[in-house]
Structure formats: C-alpha cells, structure tokens
Protein backbone atom coordinates (compact mmCIF):
# COMPACT_ATOMS: atom_id res chain seq x y z
CA UNK A 1 218.99 16.20 56.99
CA UNK A 2 219.15 12.42 56.73
CA UNK A 3 219.92 12.26 60.47
CA UNK A 4 216.84 14.39 61.29
CA UNK A 5 214.63 12.10 59.21
CA UNK A 6 216.03 9.10 61.05
CA UNK A 7 215.32 10.71 64.45
CA UNK A 8 211.81 11.65 63.32
CA UNK A 9 211.20 8.07 62.17
CA UNK A 10 212.33 6.67 65.53
CA UNK A 11 210.22 9.24 67.39
CA UNK A 12 207.18 8.34 65.26
CA UNK A 13 207.70 4.64 66.05
CA UNK A 14 207.89 5.39 69.79
CA UNK A 15 204.67 7.42 69.62
CA UNK A 16 202.99 4.65 67.64
CA UNK A 17 204.06 2.03 70.21
CA UNK A 18 202.74 4.21 73.07
CA UNK A 19 199.41 4.68 71.27
CA UNK A 20 199.13 0.93 70.63
CA UNK A 21 199.96 0.18 74.28
CA UNK A 22 197.34 2.68 75.45
CA UNK A 23 194.75 1.11 73.14
CA UNK A 24 195.64 -2.34 74.48
CA UNK A 25 195.32 -1.07 78.07
CA UNK A 26 191.94 0.49 77.29
CA UNK A 27 190.82 -2.76 75.65
CA UNK A 28 192.01 -4.80 78.66
CA UNK A 29 190.21 -2.38 81.00
CA UNK A 30 186.99 -2.67 78.98
CA UNK A 31 187.18 -6.47 78.92
CA UNK A 32 188.10 -6.91 82.60
CA UNK A 33 185.46 -4.45 83.83
CA UNK A 34 182.66 -5.85 81.69
CA UNK A 35 179.96 -7.52 83.77
CA UNK A 36 177.77 -9.98 81.91
CA UNK A 37 174.08 -10.18 82.84
CA UNK A 38 172.77 -13.41 84.39
CA UNK A 39 171.13 -16.12 82.32
CA UNK A 40 167.38 -15.46 82.26
CA UNK A 41 164.79 -18.12 81.46
CA UNK A 42 161.37 -16.47 81.96
CA UNK A 43 161.75 -13.55 79.55
CA UNK A 44 157.98 -13.36 79.14
CA UNK A 45 157.70 -11.31 82.37
CA UNK A 46 159.33 -8.41 80.51
CA UNK A 47 156.01 -7.85 78.71
CA UNK A 48 154.14 -7.09 81.95
CA UNK A 49 152.65 -3.60 81.97
CA UNK A 50 152.05 -1.21 84.85
CA UNK A 51 148.50 0.05 85.36
CA UNK A 52 148.08 3.51 86.87
CA UNK A 53 144.99 3.23 89.08
CA UNK A 54 145.64 6.55 90.81
CA UNK A 55 148.43 9.13 90.86
CA UNK A 56 149.64 7.43 94.05
CA UNK A 57 148.74 3.82 93.22
CA UNK A 58 150.25 1.60 90.49
CA UNK A 59 149.63 -2.10 90.00
CA UNK A 60 151.05 -5.06 88.04
CA UNK A 61 149.00 -8.23 88.59
CA UNK A 62 149.05 -8.82 92.40
CA UNK A 63 151.97 -6.42 92.90
CA UNK A 64 151.49 -2.75 93.69
CA UNK A 65 152.98 0.45 95.05
CA UNK A 66 151.17 3.29 96.81
CA UNK A 67 152.07 6.47 98.64
CA UNK A 68 150.47 6.95 102.05
CA UNK A 69 149.44 10.20 103.70
CA UNK A 70 152.68 10.21 105.73
CA UNK A 71 154.79 10.46 102.57
CA UNK A 72 156.05 6.86 102.64
CA UNK A 73 155.86 4.64 99.57
CA UNK A 74 154.53 1.15 100.35
CA UNK A 75 155.22 -1.64 97.87
CA UNK A 76 154.26 -5.31 97.68
CA UNK A 77 156.26 -7.68 95.45
CA UNK A 78 155.95 -11.43 94.91
CA UNK A 79 157.29 -14.09 92.56
CA UNK A 80 160.63 -15.46 91.41
CA UNK A 81 163.82 -13.40 91.25
CA UNK A 82 163.66 -11.94 87.74
CA UNK A 83 159.91 -11.43 87.97
CA UNK A 84 160.35 -9.50 91.23
CA UNK A 85 163.05 -7.36 89.66
CA UNK A 86 161.09 -6.57 86.49
CA UNK A 87 157.95 -5.69 88.46
CA UNK A 88 159.87 -3.69 91.07
CA UNK A 89 161.58 -1.69 88.32
CA UNK A 90 158.37 -0.94 86.43
CA UNK A 91 156.50 0.07 89.59
CA UNK A 92 159.29 2.36 90.79
CA UNK A 93 160.72 3.64 87.48
CA UNK A 94 160.32 7.32 88.40
CA UNK A 95 161.66 6.73 91.91
CA UNK A 96 164.74 4.92 90.53
CA UNK A 97 165.48 7.93 88.32
CA UNK A 98 164.94 10.43 91.13
CA UNK A 99 167.11 8.42 93.53
CA UNK A 100 169.95 8.02 91.06
CA UNK A 101 169.82 11.69 90.13
CA UNK A 102 169.96 12.70 93.81
CA UNK A 103 172.85 10.30 94.45
CA UNK A 104 174.89 11.51 91.47
CA UNK A 105 174.26 15.19 92.29
CA UNK A 106 175.34 14.73 95.90
CA UNK A 107 178.51 12.90 94.86
CA UNK A 108 179.31 15.89 92.62
CA UNK A 109 178.84 18.19 95.62
CA UNK A 110 181.11 16.05 97.78
CA UNK A 111 183.70 15.62 95.01
CA UNK A 112 183.59 18.80 92.88
CA UNK A 113 186.63 17.88 90.75
CA UNK A 114 185.51 16.48 87.36
CA UNK A 115 188.90 14.87 86.76
CA UNK A 116 188.83 13.12 90.13
CA UNK A 117 185.25 11.97 89.49
CA UNK A 118 186.38 10.40 86.20
CA UNK A 119 189.25 8.70 88.00
CA UNK A 120 186.89 7.51 90.75
CA UNK A 121 184.48 6.13 88.16
CA UNK A 122 187.27 4.13 86.50
CA UNK A 123 188.69 3.00 89.84
CA UNK A 124 185.31 1.72 91.09
CA UNK A 125 184.68 -0.02 87.75
CA UNK A 126 188.03 -1.80 88.03
CA UNK A 127 187.71 -2.42 91.77
CA UNK A 128 184.24 -3.95 91.38
CA UNK A 129 185.03 -5.79 88.14
CA UNK A 130 184.30 -9.15 89.80
CA UNK A 131 181.42 -8.06 92.02
CA UNK A 132 178.93 -10.27 90.17
CA UNK A 133 180.94 -13.35 91.16
CA UNK A 134 180.19 -12.56 94.81
CA UNK A 135 176.44 -12.11 94.36
CA UNK A 136 174.06 -15.06 94.24
CA UNK A 137 172.35 -15.77 90.93
CA UNK A 138 168.98 -15.05 92.56
CA UNK A 139 169.96 -11.50 93.49
CA UNK A 140 171.76 -10.91 90.19
CA UNK A 141 168.52 -11.76 88.39
CA UNK A 142 166.48 -9.49 90.65
CA UNK A 143 168.90 -6.58 90.19
CA UNK A 144 169.08 -7.19 86.43
CA UNK A 145 165.28 -7.07 86.30
CA UNK A 146 165.24 -3.70 88.06
CA UNK A 147 167.99 -2.36 85.79
CA UNK A 148 165.69 -2.75 82.76
CA UNK A 149 163.78 0.27 84.11
CA UNK A 150 166.83 2.42 84.93
CA UNK A 151 167.38 5.62 82.95
CA UNK A 152 169.83 5.74 80.04
CA UNK A 153 170.61 9.31 81.10
CA UNK A 154 173.33 7.98 83.42
CA UNK A 155 175.05 5.78 80.84
CA UNK A 156 178.06 8.09 81.09
CA UNK A 157 178.74 6.38 84.44
CA UNK A 158 178.18 2.80 83.26
CA UNK A 159 175.49 0.65 81.60
CA UNK A 160 172.28 0.22 83.61
CA UNK A 161 173.03 -3.23 85.05
CA UNK A 162 176.59 -2.25 86.03
CA UNK A 163 175.33 0.86 87.83
CA UNK A 164 172.47 -0.72 89.77
CA UNK A 165 174.72 -3.62 90.77
CA UNK A 166 177.43 -1.25 92.00
CA UNK A 167 174.98 0.98 93.87
CA UNK A 168 174.30 -1.98 96.15
CA UNK A 169 177.83 -1.51 97.46
CA UNK A 170 177.27 2.20 98.23
CA UNK A 171 177.01 1.52 101.97
CA UNK A 172 180.31 -0.37 101.81
CA UNK A 173 182.03 2.34 99.75
CA UNK A 174 180.84 4.82 102.38
CA UNK A 175 183.32 3.18 104.75
CA UNK A 176 186.15 4.62 102.70
CA UNK A 177 184.50 8.03 103.07
CA UNK A 178 183.83 7.90 106.82
CA UNK A 179 185.70 11.17 107.28
CA UNK A 180 182.80 12.71 105.34
CA UNK A 181 180.35 11.41 107.96
CA UNK A 182 178.43 9.17 105.56
CA UNK A 183 178.01 6.17 107.82
CA UNK A 184 177.61 6.49 111.62
CA UNK A 185 174.66 4.39 112.78
CA UNK A 186 173.31 3.52 116.24
CA UNK A 187 171.27 0.50 117.37
CA UNK A 188 170.17 -0.81 120.76
CA UNK A 189 167.73 -3.31 122.21
CA UNK A 190 166.21 -4.47 125.48
CA UNK A 191 164.42 -7.60 126.69
CA UNK A 192 163.36 -9.26 129.96
CA UNK A 193 164.23 -6.79 132.76
CA UNK A 194 165.10 -3.99 130.30
CA UNK A 195 161.73 -4.10 128.51
CA UNK A 196 158.42 -2.72 129.81
CA UNK A 197 156.56 -5.92 128.86
CA UNK A 198 159.70 -8.17 129.00
CA UNK A 199 159.51 -8.86 125.23
CA UNK A 200 162.30 -7.91 122.83
CA UNK A 201 162.29 -4.32 121.55
CA UNK A 202 164.86 -2.78 119.16
CA UNK A 203 165.63 0.77 118.04
CA UNK A 204 167.96 1.90 115.29
CA UNK A 205 169.01 5.04 113.38
CA UNK A 206 170.34 4.50 109.85
CA UNK A 207 172.68 7.47 109.53
CA UNK A 208 173.65 7.07 105.88
CA UNK A 209 173.75 10.56 104.41
CA UNK A 210 174.07 11.48 100.76
CA UNK A 211 171.92 14.61 100.84
CA UNK A 212 168.41 15.45 102.00
CA UNK A 213 166.87 14.63 98.61
CA UNK A 214 168.14 11.04 98.75
CA UNK A 215 165.97 10.38 101.84
CA UNK A 216 162.78 11.99 100.50
CA UNK A 217 161.22 8.92 98.86
CA UNK A 218 161.61 6.00 101.23
CA UNK A 219 160.01 2.74 100.14
CA UNK A 220 158.66 0.22 102.63
CA UNK A 221 158.92 -2.97 100.60
CA UNK A 222 156.88 -6.00 101.62
CA UNK A 223 158.26 -8.99 99.73
CA UNK A 224 156.78 -12.47 99.36
CA UNK A 225 159.52 -14.33 97.45
CA UNK A 226 159.07 -17.66 95.72
CA UNK A 227 161.71 -19.12 98.09
CA UNK A 228 162.33 -18.27 101.74
CA UNK A 229 160.48 -16.09 104.24
CA UNK A 230 158.31 -13.08 103.55
CA UNK A 231 159.92 -9.90 104.85
CA UNK A 232 159.85 -6.11 104.91
CA UNK A 233 162.74 -3.69 104.37
CA UNK A 234 163.13 0.07 104.29
CA UNK A 235 164.67 0.85 100.92
CA UNK A 236 164.71 3.24 97.96
CA UNK A 237 164.30 3.08 94.19
CA UNK A 238 166.60 0.47 92.62
CA UNK A 239 167.74 -1.11 95.90
CA UNK A 240 166.95 -4.74 96.86
CA UNK A 241 169.52 -4.98 99.66
CA UNK A 242 168.55 -4.67 103.32
CA UNK A 243 169.78 -1.95 105.65
CA UNK A 244 166.89 -2.38 108.10
CA UNK A 245 164.25 -5.08 107.98
CA UNK A 246 162.22 -7.86 109.62
CA UNK A 247 160.83 -11.13 108.30
CA UNK A 248 157.66 -13.05 109.14
CA UNK A 249 159.61 -15.17 111.65
CA UNK A 250 160.33 -12.11 113.79
CA UNK A 251 164.00 -11.97 112.76
CA UNK A 252 165.40 -8.46 112.31
CA UNK A 253 168.60 -7.19 110.69
CA UNK A 254 170.19 -3.75 110.81
CA UNK A 255 173.67 -2.67 109.68
CA UNK A 256 176.34 -0.73 111.58
CA UNK A 257 179.61 0.16 109.88
CA UNK A 258 182.82 -0.65 111.77
CA UNK A 259 186.34 0.67 111.22
CA UNK A 260 187.72 -0.92 108.05
CA UNK A 261 191.05 -1.20 106.37
CA UNK A 262 191.15 -0.03 102.75
CA UNK A 263 189.74 -2.89 100.63
CA UNK A 264 191.63 -4.06 97.56
CA UNK A 265 188.99 -6.10 95.78
CA UNK A 266 185.25 -6.48 95.63
CA UNK A 267 183.23 -9.03 97.56
CA UNK A 268 179.57 -9.36 98.57
CA UNK A 269 177.89 -6.03 99.43
CA UNK A 270 176.81 -6.18 103.06
CA UNK A 271 173.25 -5.10 102.20
CA UNK A 272 172.85 -8.29 100.15
CA UNK A 273 174.21 -10.41 103.00
CA UNK A 274 171.59 -8.79 105.25
CA UNK A 275 168.91 -9.39 102.61
CA UNK A 276 169.84 -13.08 102.40
CA UNK A 277 169.62 -13.38 106.19
CA UNK A 278 166.14 -11.83 106.20
CA UNK A 279 164.95 -14.10 103.42
CA UNK A 280 166.40 -17.37 104.69
CA UNK A 281 167.04 -17.18 108.47
CA UNK A 282 164.70 -17.44 111.46
CA UNK A 283 167.21 -17.57 114.34
CA UNK A 284 170.49 -15.91 115.31
CA UNK A 285 172.38 -19.14 114.61
CA UNK A 286 170.92 -19.43 111.10
CA UNK A 287 171.79 -15.77 110.44
CA UNK A 288 175.37 -16.36 111.62
CA UNK A 289 175.78 -19.37 109.32
CA UNK A 290 174.49 -17.46 106.28
CA UNK A 291 176.86 -14.56 106.98
CA UNK A 292 179.78 -17.00 107.29
CA UNK A 293 179.18 -18.22 103.72
CA UNK A 294 179.75 -14.75 102.27
CA UNK A 295 182.99 -12.82 101.94
CA UNK A 296 182.67 -9.08 102.53
CA UNK A 297 185.16 -6.35 101.63
CA UNK A 298 184.51 -4.09 104.62
CA UNK A 299 184.04 -4.51 108.37
CA UNK A 300 180.44 -4.52 109.51
CA UNK A 301 178.29 -5.27 112.54
CA UNK A 302 175.01 -6.99 111.69
CA UNK A 303 172.64 -6.35 114.58
CA UNK A 304 170.34 -9.38 114.67
CA UNK A 305 167.10 -9.54 116.65
CA UNK A 306 165.20 -12.79 117.01
CA UNK A 307 161.70 -13.45 118.33
CA UNK A 308 162.55 -17.16 118.62
CA UNK A 309 165.68 -16.44 120.67
CA UNK A 310 164.06 -13.58 122.59
CA UNK A 311 167.16 -11.38 122.36
CA UNK A 312 169.64 -9.68 120.04
CA UNK A 313 173.23 -10.51 119.13
CA UNK A 314 175.81 -8.91 116.86
CA UNK A 315 177.50 -10.68 113.96
CA UNK A 316 180.87 -8.92 113.66
CA UNK A 317 182.46 -9.54 110.30
CA UNK A 318 185.45 -8.29 108.33
CA UNK A 319 187.01 -9.58 105.08
CA UNK A 320 188.87 -12.35 106.94
CA UNK A 321 187.06 -13.17 110.18
CA UNK A 322 183.65 -13.42 111.80
CA UNK A 323 182.48 -13.58 115.41
CA UNK A 324 179.21 -13.54 117.32
CA UNK A 325 178.93 -11.06 120.18
CA UNK A 326 176.43 -11.81 122.94
CA UNK A 327 175.90 -10.01 126.23
CA UNK A 328 174.98 -11.19 129.71
CA UNK A 329 172.88 -8.05 130.17
CA UNK A 330 169.24 -7.70 129.12
CA UNK A 331 170.22 -5.01 126.65
CA UNK A 332 172.66 -4.63 123.78
CA UNK A 333 174.15 -1.51 122.17
CA UNK A 334 175.85 -1.25 118.79
CA UNK A 335 177.55 1.84 117.37
CA UNK A 336 180.55 1.67 115.02
CA UNK A 337 183.20 -0.50 116.67
CA UNK A 338 183.57 -4.23 117.30
CA UNK A 339 183.01 -5.52 120.85
CA UNK A 340 183.87 -9.24 120.81
CA UNK A 341 187.28 -10.35 122.08
CA UNK A 342 188.05 -11.90 118.70
CA UNK A 343 187.31 -8.75 116.69
CA UNK A 344 188.05 -5.79 118.99
CA UNK A 345 190.52 -3.23 117.70
CA UNK A 346 193.17 -2.12 120.16
CA UNK A 347 192.83 1.57 119.34
CA UNK A 348 189.27 1.53 120.71
CA UNK A 349 190.06 -0.64 123.75
CA UNK A 350 192.69 1.77 125.06
CA UNK A 351 191.20 5.01 123.75
CA UNK A 352 189.62 7.77 125.78
CA UNK A 353 185.91 7.69 124.92
CA UNK A 354 186.20 11.36 123.90
CA UNK A 355 188.57 10.38 121.09
CA UNK A 356 186.00 8.60 118.93
CA UNK A 357 182.35 9.29 118.16
CA UNK A 358 181.55 5.58 118.25
CA UNK A 359 182.77 5.02 121.83
CA UNK A 360 181.28 8.32 123.01
CA UNK A 361 177.90 7.55 121.42
CA UNK A 362 177.94 4.03 122.89
CA UNK A 363 178.33 5.48 126.38
CA UNK A 364 175.64 8.07 125.68
CA UNK A 365 173.15 5.32 124.71
CA UNK A 366 174.07 3.42 127.87
CA UNK A 367 173.44 6.59 129.87
CA UNK A 368 170.02 7.01 128.22
CA UNK A 369 169.12 3.35 128.83
CA UNK A 370 169.88 3.86 132.51
CA UNK A 371 167.50 6.82 132.47
CA UNK A 372 164.82 4.64 130.80
CA UNK A 373 165.28 1.17 132.36
CA UNK A 374 161.96 -0.21 131.03
CA UNK A 375 161.90 0.26 127.27
CA UNK A 376 158.70 0.68 125.28
CA UNK A 377 158.16 2.17 121.84
CA UNK A 378 157.77 5.79 122.93
CA UNK A 379 160.91 5.78 125.09
CA UNK A 380 162.86 4.06 122.29
CA UNK A 381 161.75 6.85 119.91
CA UNK A 382 162.77 9.43 122.52
CA UNK A 383 166.27 7.93 122.74
CA UNK A 384 166.60 7.73 118.95
CA UNK A 385 165.73 11.44 118.72
CA UNK A 386 168.14 12.58 121.44
CA UNK A 387 170.62 15.26 120.30
CA UNK A 388 172.56 15.83 123.51
CA UNK A 389 176.00 14.64 124.52
CA UNK A 390 177.06 12.89 127.72
CA UNK A 391 175.37 14.28 130.83
CA UNK A 392 172.98 16.13 128.50
CA UNK A 393 175.72 18.45 127.29
CA UNK A 394 174.86 20.70 124.35
CA UNK A 395 177.27 19.54 121.61
CA UNK A 396 175.59 21.38 118.76
CA UNK A 397 172.98 20.28 116.23
CA UNK A 398 174.34 17.66 113.83
CA UNK A 399 177.21 16.30 115.92
CA UNK A 400 178.30 12.73 115.12
CA UNK A 401 178.65 12.05 118.84
CA UNK A 402 174.88 12.42 119.29
CA UNK A 403 172.41 9.57 118.82
CA UNK A 404 170.38 11.89 116.60
CA UNK A 405 172.79 13.57 114.17
CA UNK A 406 170.00 15.06 112.03
CA UNK A 407 171.17 13.10 108.98
CA UNK A 408 169.25 9.81 109.28
CA UNK A 409 167.90 8.25 106.09
CA UNK A 410 165.46 6.48 108.39
CA UNK A 411 164.91 5.41 111.96
CA UNK A 412 163.14 2.19 112.91
CA UNK A 413 161.70 0.38 115.94
CA UNK A 414 160.93 -3.36 116.05
CA UNK A 415 158.74 -5.48 118.32
CA UNK A 416 159.72 -8.86 116.78
CA UNK A 417 157.45 -11.09 118.86
CA UNK A 418 154.42 -9.05 117.75
CA UNK A 419 155.74 -8.64 114.16
CA UNK A 420 155.27 -4.89 114.53
CA UNK A 421 157.60 -2.27 113.10
CA UNK A 422 157.62 1.54 113.38
CA UNK A 423 159.30 3.59 110.63
CA UNK A 424 160.14 7.28 110.83
CA UNK A 425 158.78 9.83 108.39
CA UNK A 426 160.63 12.87 107.08
CA UNK A 427 162.65 14.73 108.05
CA UNK A 428 165.19 12.32 109.55
CA UNK A 429 163.63 10.74 112.68
CA UNK A 430 161.71 13.89 113.54
CA UNK A 431 158.43 13.07 111.79
CA UNK A 432 155.85 10.56 112.97
CA UNK A 433 156.81 6.91 113.37
CA UNK A 434 154.29 4.86 111.36
CA UNK A 435 153.48 1.33 112.58
CA UNK A 436 152.93 -1.79 110.45
CA UNK A 437 151.72 -5.17 111.66
CA UNK A 438 153.28 -7.78 109.36
CA UNK A 439 150.60 -10.34 110.26
CA UNK A 440 147.94 -8.04 108.80
CA UNK A 441 149.99 -6.69 105.88
CA UNK A 442 150.90 -10.09 104.41
CA UNK A 443 147.40 -11.46 105.05
CA UNK A 444 145.87 -8.90 102.68
CA UNK A 445 148.75 -7.76 100.45
CA UNK A 446 148.03 -9.88 97.34
CA UNK A 447 144.35 -8.86 97.37
CA UNK A 448 144.85 -5.07 97.38
CA UNK A 449 143.85 -3.31 94.13
CA UNK A 450 143.30 0.29 95.25
CA UNK A 451 144.65 2.79 97.77
CA UNK A 452 144.50 1.11 101.17
CA UNK A 453 145.53 2.19 104.66
CA UNK A 454 148.16 -0.39 105.67
CA UNK A 455 149.57 1.15 108.83
CA UNK A 456 148.12 0.87 112.34
CA UNK A 457 146.92 4.46 112.75
CA UNK A 458 146.23 4.19 116.48
CA UNK A 459 149.86 3.13 117.11
CA UNK A 460 151.49 6.11 115.36
CA UNK A 461 154.18 7.83 117.45
CA UNK A 462 153.75 11.63 117.21
CA UNK A 463 156.36 13.83 115.55
CA UNK A 464 159.17 15.21 117.69
CA UNK A 465 158.30 18.61 119.18
CA UNK A 466 161.75 19.78 118.01
CA UNK A 467 160.35 19.75 114.45
CA UNK A 468 158.05 22.66 115.34
CA UNK A 469 160.61 24.62 117.35
CA UNK A 470 162.65 27.71 116.58
CA UNK A 471 165.76 25.54 117.00
CA UNK A 472 164.74 23.43 114.01
CA UNK A 473 164.18 26.53 111.87
CA UNK A 474 167.64 27.69 112.92
CA UNK A 475 169.12 24.35 111.86
CA UNK A 476 167.48 24.65 108.43
CA UNK A 477 168.91 28.14 108.02
CA UNK A 478 172.29 26.90 109.30
CA UNK A 479 172.45 24.36 106.45
CA UNK A 480 171.62 27.06 103.88
CA UNK A 481 174.55 29.23 105.02
CA UNK A 482 176.83 26.17 105.20
CA UNK A 483 176.02 25.43 101.56
CA UNK A 484 176.73 29.06 100.64
CA UNK A 485 180.22 28.75 102.11
CA UNK A 486 180.79 25.48 100.22
CA UNK A 487 179.56 27.02 96.96
CA UNK A 488 181.80 30.06 97.39
CA UNK A 489 184.85 27.83 97.80
CA UNK A 490 183.86 25.65 94.84
CA UNK A 491 183.31 28.63 92.51
CA UNK A 492 186.14 30.70 94.02
CA UNK A 493 183.78 33.68 94.42
CA UNK A 494 183.70 35.55 97.73
CA UNK A 495 180.40 36.24 99.48
CA UNK A 496 179.70 40.01 99.67
CA UNK A 497 178.29 39.82 103.23
CA UNK A 498 180.75 37.17 104.47
CA UNK A 499 181.21 38.69 107.95
CA UNK A 500 177.47 38.98 108.49
CA UNK A 501 176.92 35.35 107.45
CA UNK A 502 179.80 34.21 109.65
CA UNK A 503 178.20 35.84 112.67
CA UNK A 504 174.77 34.51 111.73
CA UNK A 505 175.87 30.88 111.36
CA UNK A 506 177.53 31.09 114.79
CA UNK A 507 174.31 32.38 116.35
CA UNK A 508 172.35 29.57 114.68
CA UNK A 509 174.51 26.66 115.92
CA UNK A 510 177.10 28.01 118.39
CA UNK A 511 178.09 24.72 120.09
CA UNK A 512 178.76 22.74 116.90
CA UNK A 513 182.46 22.47 116.09
CA UNK A 514 181.85 22.38 112.33
CA UNK A 515 180.21 25.81 112.45
CA UNK A 516 183.69 27.22 112.98
CA UNK A 517 185.34 24.78 110.57
CA UNK A 518 183.05 26.02 107.77
CA UNK A 519 184.00 29.62 108.56
CA UNK A 520 187.68 28.71 108.84
CA UNK A 521 187.69 26.83 105.54
CA UNK A 522 186.03 29.75 103.78
CA UNK A 523 188.49 32.37 105.00
CA UNK A 524 191.42 29.99 104.56
CA UNK A 525 190.46 29.44 100.92
CA UNK A 526 190.49 33.19 100.27
CA UNK A 527 193.78 33.67 102.17
CA UNK A 528 192.23 35.69 105.01
CA UNK A 529 194.51 33.96 107.47
CA UNK A 530 193.75 35.78 110.72
CA UNK A 531 190.01 35.07 110.52
CA UNK A 532 190.61 31.47 109.46
CA UNK A 533 192.93 30.75 112.41
CA UNK A 534 190.52 32.42 114.84
CA UNK A 535 187.67 30.19 113.61
CA UNK A 536 189.78 27.01 113.71
CA UNK A 537 190.91 27.74 117.26
CA UNK A 538 187.29 28.25 118.31
CA UNK A 539 186.39 24.87 116.76
CA UNK A 540 189.00 23.22 118.99
CA UNK A 541 187.09 24.39 122.08
CA UNK A 542 183.97 22.44 121.04
CA UNK A 543 183.07 18.73 121.18
CA UNK A 544 184.90 17.24 118.18
CA UNK A 545 183.76 13.72 117.16
CA UNK A 546 187.11 12.08 116.36
CA UNK A 547 190.80 12.64 116.96
CA UNK A 548 191.55 12.68 113.23
CA UNK A 549 189.15 15.63 112.82
CA UNK A 550 190.93 17.46 115.65
CA UNK A 551 194.30 16.71 114.03
CA UNK A 552 193.00 17.99 110.70
CA UNK A 553 192.01 21.32 112.28
CA UNK A 554 195.39 21.59 114.03
CA UNK A 555 197.22 20.94 110.76
CA UNK A 556 195.29 23.78 109.09
CA UNK A 557 196.35 26.15 111.87
CA UNK A 558 199.98 25.06 111.54
CA UNK A 559 199.97 25.59 107.76
CA UNK A 560 198.93 29.20 108.32
C-alpha cells in the first residue's frame, strides 16, 4: 500500500510538471506572438464621424466612398498615415466585415478540418510574430487605423490589429498554397513598335482566388497621402497594400508570384513593398532601389511600368536576392517564373513548356502578341480575356494554362503616359472595363460631396460576349456541380443522382482535366474504385497545368 502511494505521488508530480511546462509554453507563445500597436500621436482623428449622404455615398470631411453604376466602389482618402487608416476604416466598415467573412468562409471550404485550421492559426501567429518589425511605421499606423473598424466577431482568430496586419501577407501565404491555384497571374506590355500609338500600354490579370464572394466588392482607392505621390490601387475592405496600381507620375506596379521555397520567418508583405513603390517612386530605378531596402519572405516578380522611362521592366526578388530584368524587345511578358540570368530556376530553363502552366502561358501570350502586333486597349482586353491554349486549342474553361482562367479578382489596363487606367467589372474580366483619368480624378477629388461620375464613360470597353453565351451559363452550372461533389466528400454523404451529375459535369466542361478529377475524387472517397480510376485516366488525356498535378493523379490511380 505504501509503495502504491509512493508511485501515485511520483505520478502526480510528473503530471504537475507537464502541466506547468505546458502553461509556460502557452505563456511563451502568447508573449512571442503578441504584436504591439504603433505609437499614435494624433488620437483626435478617432472622433471623426461618417456622414451617410446616400445609400451609396459616405463622406468624412474631404474623404468619401461611393458605388458607381458598374458595381465598383470608388474611394478618395487623404491625410497622414493614422488619419488615412481611421477614415478608410470608417468609410468601409461594412466592406471590411464582408471581405473578412468571405475570406474566412473560403478558407474553411479549402481546409475543412477544424483541428488543422486551429493548428494553421497558431502556426501563422508564430510564423508572423515579428511581421510588424518588417513594416514601416507609416503603414503600421495606417493599418492600425483601419483595424479600429474591424469586427470583433473574428476575435477567435486574433485581435483586430493582428488580423488586419496578417491579411496583408495573404498574397504571400498563397505561394505556399499554389497547388490550390490561388496565385497564377499574367502581365504583358508593349511600347514603340509593339504599340498602336507607340506609347507604353500594359495589361494584367490578377488571378488571386479565394472564392467568388471575395471579388464582389472591389474598391478603386484614390489616395493623396501627406508624403509621396498620389496614386490609385485596386483593393478591398481592410487592404492598404498594392496588387495593381498607378501613381500620378505614370509609374505602375503589378505583382506576379514566382516559385518559392518554403519560408521560415516573416518579412515584408510584397503588397506593402508595391505600395511603397507607388507612393515614393517615379522611375524604374527608384522602384528597384525601394524594393532592395525591403526583405521579402517569398519570391515575387514586380512588373513595373514607367511613363518617364517609356517601357516596363521586372524586379525579380526572393528572400536573399534581387535582379532587374529588361528586354531588348518592344514588349515584355511576365507569368510566374523568373527570367533574368541571376534569378532563373533551372527546372524552368530545361523544362518542356507543357510541364508548367507558367511557361505554357508565357508562350501563349507571346503567340497572342504576334497575332496583335500593334497593341491598343481593346486588343489588350481581348488578350486578357482569352481562354484558349496554344494554337487556339480548347483546354477547358478554368484551366491555369489559359490567360483567362475565370478566377481573376480583377483585370487592369494602363496607359501610363496618359495617366489612364481601365479596370474590369464583375465577373472576373468578363464585365465592362471602366476607364479613369487620374489627371481629372485628383483635380476634383477633394471637392466631391455627392454621387459623381468619375469614370470616362465614352472610353468604357464593352463586356465580353462570352458573358452572354450558353458557354458561360454552362460554366456557372459546372461550378455548382463541382461544389456538390466537394460537399458530398466533406459531409461523407453520397449524392443520390451521382451518375447523372457525373455525366452532366462532363457535358458542361468536357476538355477541362479537373472535370474528371472532381468525379474521380468523389468516387474514390466512396470506394467506388472502377469509376474513380476511369475518371482519373480520362483526366490524364487532357491538358494538365503542371507536372505535379499529373503525378498526383497517377499516384491516385496507383493507390487503387
């Protein structure tokens, strides 16, 4: 009996030590992942109130936001960093909530496991524990100002400031999820002999996809900061970083993800590097020097257009190195791989172009540029909307090898020397492209106090005819059935008319490899092996974007 008591006492001590160690680890985690807000001086701006002039027009002093007839939100912001953030947050409070809700819901769809989501939340908190040390005080203040208007409903993820700060790295985190087709952008430009009027023209698709709802409320932000150049960016509620934008000097920036190694610590989110370039650079050289000051934790191509230089160049940057890629041609193409000698990756140099979507899409853009040797805004829009593969091959709707993958958050066209920009309206790049003249916008912006037409209506590019076609309706239906298959797997409940839906989804999008992957995954989940293998084998006969996706399909066949 005495021996049992002694064992119990030792066991209790061990348990107590483990509990204490766990508490210490939790405490260390809380301390190391805590991000302190920046030091704020002008707290009086927090008392500013939003005035609702109209259901689609809100104003705070000389700052305002309005929704135009094309469905785009247009916002003008001025002042110092914290003032801009506070005003931005109050003007877009509902949009911040909607955007965050859409983002969180889509992440839950992509990662249905609650336990893995909790792990991911803790991992990102620890990974980004020093992110504030890599963000300038100006942008910390602006983000902190916005975070005052964020919803407490998402506190289960992190406090408001932590969340909004971390969301600015969403594009970077998307690199780690490239297999989920989150980031696969395309940009190109032409000047001199490649341009209809010889002036610089740029086109770009921002293929960052976290669900259709996330792209519903695009904001065109016109910003007149206390320091630096005035600029415009295409953004969304809560986001001050730049993914596509142009400043009043005719300098443009767009982002293209490149193949990255797995990062091990946080650095400056690339969208904030791009924002700093827009705000403080007027030439390619100035943009390059700003980028060199910042350490990034992923590989990225910053596609820079410059009215002063009359051309584009690509800043290629990874966590350790940076290079500037120029071309001797009068055009430049950027997909998702580095091109400079200093930064090229061997796997792309020696690869068959069929092996990777980025090399395939690059060649497809080159093919389209040869078909349209004199670029002007309508031909640029036509290229950005193109869904075909090389030699106009039908590769299915939604293929990553196409310029238009039907996932774009936005598409944009720049004429830097004229300070004109065209921005797509929903859905994707299929709606009208709406034109803004930055000369005119900034000349009147601080005097607007009611709903005003800002865009150049006579320069609107019409919607793509595909939007009104039977093919588009089929694509919409295709996505509905795709989601039904995903839901069935998630809930582990078979679909009563599974064979009918399998045949229907094939009829809707027969040339798309993922059509058959969706079917294969469904039958594989429910152990209907013969149908799963048949679907996977059919997928292998279609145009598959990347070799790792082909290998993944082959491994599923082998396991059965």
